[in-house]
C-alpha cells in the first residue's frame, strides 16, 4: 500500500518535524518513506506499507497524542491519498 501526504510545515519546524516523523520507522509493516520538497515548507511524503492492515495497525497502536505532536508542527491538517498498485506495467 502506498500513502501520499502533502504537508505544509510551520516556519522553522522542518528539522523537528523530520525527527518526530521517525516514529514511523519502528512500525511493523512500514517499508519506508521518500520526501519531496514542493515549495519552501511544503513536502510530499510517499510512504510504503506492506498492506492496508499494517497501516491501520500502526495508526491504532500509536501512543496517545503522538500524531497531535507531529501535526502541531504543521500549518494545517495534511492531505492524504491512498494508492493501490494493481500490477506492474512493463
C-alpha atoms as a PDB file:
ATOM      1  CA  UNK A   1       0.000   0.000   0.000  1.00  0.00           C
ATOM      2  CA  UNK A   2       1.197   3.476  -0.813  1.00  0.00           C
ATOM      3  CA  UNK A   3       0.050   6.603   1.008  1.00  0.00           C
ATOM      4  CA  UNK A   4       0.838  10.087  -0.234  1.00  0.00           C
ATOM      5  CA  UNK A   5       0.811  13.002   2.174  1.00  0.00           C
ATOM      6  CA  UNK A   6       1.010  16.688   1.336  1.00  0.00           C
ATOM      7  CA  UNK A   7       2.149  18.672   4.360  1.00  0.00           C
ATOM      8  CA  UNK A   8       2.932  22.325   4.991  1.00  0.00           C
ATOM      9  CA  UNK A   9       5.383  22.649   7.874  1.00  0.00           C
ATOM     10  CA  UNK A  10       5.404  25.711  10.127  1.00  0.00           C
ATOM     11  CA  UNK A  11       8.332  28.042   9.607  1.00  0.00           C
ATOM     12  CA  UNK A  12      11.446  26.864  11.445  1.00  0.00           C
ATOM     13  CA  UNK A  13       9.944  23.443  12.301  1.00  0.00           C
ATOM     14  CA  UNK A  14      11.198  21.296   9.395  1.00  0.00           C
ATOM     15  CA  UNK A  15      14.016  19.568  11.337  1.00  0.00           C
ATOM     16  CA  UNK A  16      11.725  18.987  14.314  1.00  0.00           C
ATOM     17  CA  UNK A  17       9.049  17.531  12.008  1.00  0.00           C
ATOM     18  CA  UNK A  18      11.510  15.179  10.325  1.00  0.00           C
ATOM     19  CA  UNK A  19      12.824  13.988  13.701  1.00  0.00           C
ATOM     20  CA  UNK A  20       9.324  13.268  15.022  1.00  0.00           C
ATOM     21  CA  UNK A  21       8.370  11.569  11.749  1.00  0.00           C
ATOM     22  CA  UNK A  22      10.953   8.902  12.582  1.00  0.00           C
ATOM     23  CA  UNK A  23       8.416   7.358  14.988  1.00  0.00           C
ATOM     24  CA  UNK A  24       7.096   5.579  11.887  1.00  0.00           C
ATOM     25  CA  UNK A  25      10.354   3.669  11.418  1.00  0.00           C
ATOM     26  CA  UNK A  26       9.590   1.174  14.219  1.00  0.00           C
ATOM     27  CA  UNK A  27       6.198   0.245  12.786  1.00  0.00           C
ATOM     28  CA  UNK A  28       5.666  -3.338  11.708  1.00  0.00           C
ATOM     29  CA  UNK A  29       4.903  -3.328   8.008  1.00  0.00           C
ATOM     30  CA  UNK A  30       6.376   0.138   7.328  1.00  0.00           C
ATOM     31  CA  UNK A  31       8.664  -0.183   4.318  1.00  0.00           C
ATOM     32  CA  UNK A  32       9.883   3.399   4.113  1.00  0.00           C
ATOM     33  CA  UNK A  33       9.157   6.933   3.025  1.00  0.00           C
ATOM     34  CA  UNK A  34      10.514   9.346   0.457  1.00  0.00           C
ATOM     35  CA  UNK A  35      10.150  13.108   0.885  1.00  0.00           C
ATOM     36  CA  UNK A  36       9.998  15.639  -1.922  1.00  0.00           C
ATOM     37  CA  UNK A  37      10.091  19.399  -1.420  1.00  0.00           C
ATOM     38  CA  UNK A  38       7.283  21.100  -3.289  1.00  0.00           C
ATOM     39  CA  UNK A  39       7.615  24.679  -2.106  1.00  0.00           C
ATOM     40  CA  UNK A  40       9.806  26.024   0.725  1.00  0.00           C
ATOM     41  CA  UNK A  41       7.943  24.418   3.653  1.00  0.00           C
ATOM     42  CA  UNK A  42       5.648  22.109   1.675  1.00  0.00           C
ATOM     43  CA  UNK A  43       6.556  18.442   1.351  1.00  0.00           C
ATOM     44  CA  UNK A  44       5.124  15.428  -0.395  1.00  0.00           C
ATOM     45  CA  UNK A  45       5.739  12.244   1.604  1.00  0.00           C
ATOM     46  CA  UNK A  46       5.299   8.924  -0.185  1.00  0.00           C
ATOM     47  CA  UNK A  47       5.010   6.101   2.338  1.00  0.00           C
ATOM     48  CA  UNK A  48       5.202   2.402   1.529  1.00  0.00           C
ATOM     49  CA  UNK A  49       3.429  -0.169   3.702  1.00  0.00           C
ATOM     50  CA  UNK A  50       3.260  -3.954   3.403  1.00  0.00           C
ATOM     51  CA  UNK A  51      -0.535  -3.761   3.461  1.00  0.00           C
ATOM     52  CA  UNK A  52      -3.515  -1.642   4.387  1.00  0.00           C
ATOM     53  CA  UNK A  53      -3.799  -3.735   7.565  1.00  0.00           C
ATOM     54  CA  UNK A  54      -0.222  -2.815   8.567  1.00  0.00           C
ATOM     55  CA  UNK A  55      -1.018   0.882   8.165  1.00  0.00           C
ATOM     56  CA  UNK A  56      -4.240   0.502  10.156  1.00  0.00           C
ATOM     57  CA  UNK A  57      -2.420  -1.407  12.926  1.00  0.00           C
ATOM     58  CA  UNK A  58       0.200   1.329  13.131  1.00  0.00           C
ATOM     59  CA  UNK A  59      -2.399   4.103  13.368  1.00  0.00           C
ATOM     60  CA  UNK A  60      -4.222   2.271  16.165  1.00  0.00           C
ATOM     61  CA  UNK A  61      -1.055   1.419  18.129  1.00  0.00           C
ATOM     62  CA  UNK A  62       0.428   4.911  18.372  1.00  0.00           C
ATOM     63  CA  UNK A  63       0.827   6.355  21.863  1.00  0.00           C
ATOM     64  CA  UNK A  64      -1.924   8.821  22.703  1.00  0.00           C
ATOM     65  CA  UNK A  65      -1.050  12.276  21.425  1.00  0.00           C
ATOM     66  CA  UNK A  66       1.742  11.138  19.096  1.00  0.00           C
ATOM     67  CA  UNK A  67       0.012  12.257  15.910  1.00  0.00           C
ATOM     68  CA  UNK A  68      -1.126  15.508  17.538  1.00  0.00           C
ATOM     69  CA  UNK A  69       2.505  16.235  18.420  1.00  0.00           C
ATOM     70  CA  UNK A  70       3.502  15.694  14.789  1.00  0.00           C
ATOM     71  CA  UNK A  71       0.523  17.589  13.340  1.00  0.00           C
ATOM     72  CA  UNK A  72       1.117  20.548  15.698  1.00  0.00           C
ATOM     73  CA  UNK A  73       4.226  21.311  13.617  1.00  0.00           C
ATOM     74  CA  UNK A  74       2.100  21.808  10.501  1.00  0.00           C
ATOM     75  CA  UNK A  75       0.357  24.908   9.190  1.00  0.00           C
ATOM     76  CA  UNK A  76      -2.842  22.909   8.625  1.00  0.00           C
ATOM     77  CA  UNK A  77      -4.085  19.339   8.557  1.00  0.00           C
ATOM     78  CA  UNK A  78      -2.234  17.306   5.914  1.00  0.00           C
ATOM     79  CA  UNK A  79      -3.867  15.976   2.782  1.00  0.00           C
ATOM     80  CA  UNK A  80      -3.695  12.179   2.475  1.00  0.00           C
ATOM     81  CA  UNK A  81      -4.182   9.961  -0.558  1.00  0.00           C
ATOM     82  CA  UNK A  82      -4.143   6.159  -0.668  1.00  0.00           C
ATOM     83  CA  UNK A  83      -2.912   4.395  -3.780  1.00  0.00           C
ATOM     84  CA  UNK A  84      -3.272   0.767  -4.668  1.00  0.00           C
ATOM     85  CA  UNK A  85      -0.971  -0.618  -7.312  1.00  0.00           C
ATOM     86  CA  UNK A  86      -2.796  -3.314  -9.213  1.00  0.00           C
ATOM     87  CA  UNK A  87       0.008  -4.537 -11.452  1.00  0.00           C
ATOM     88  CA  UNK A  88       3.369  -3.552 -12.793  1.00  0.00           C
ATOM     89  CA  UNK A  89       3.260  -2.205 -16.324  1.00  0.00           C
ATOM     90  CA  UNK A  90       6.371  -3.058 -18.333  1.00  0.00           C
END
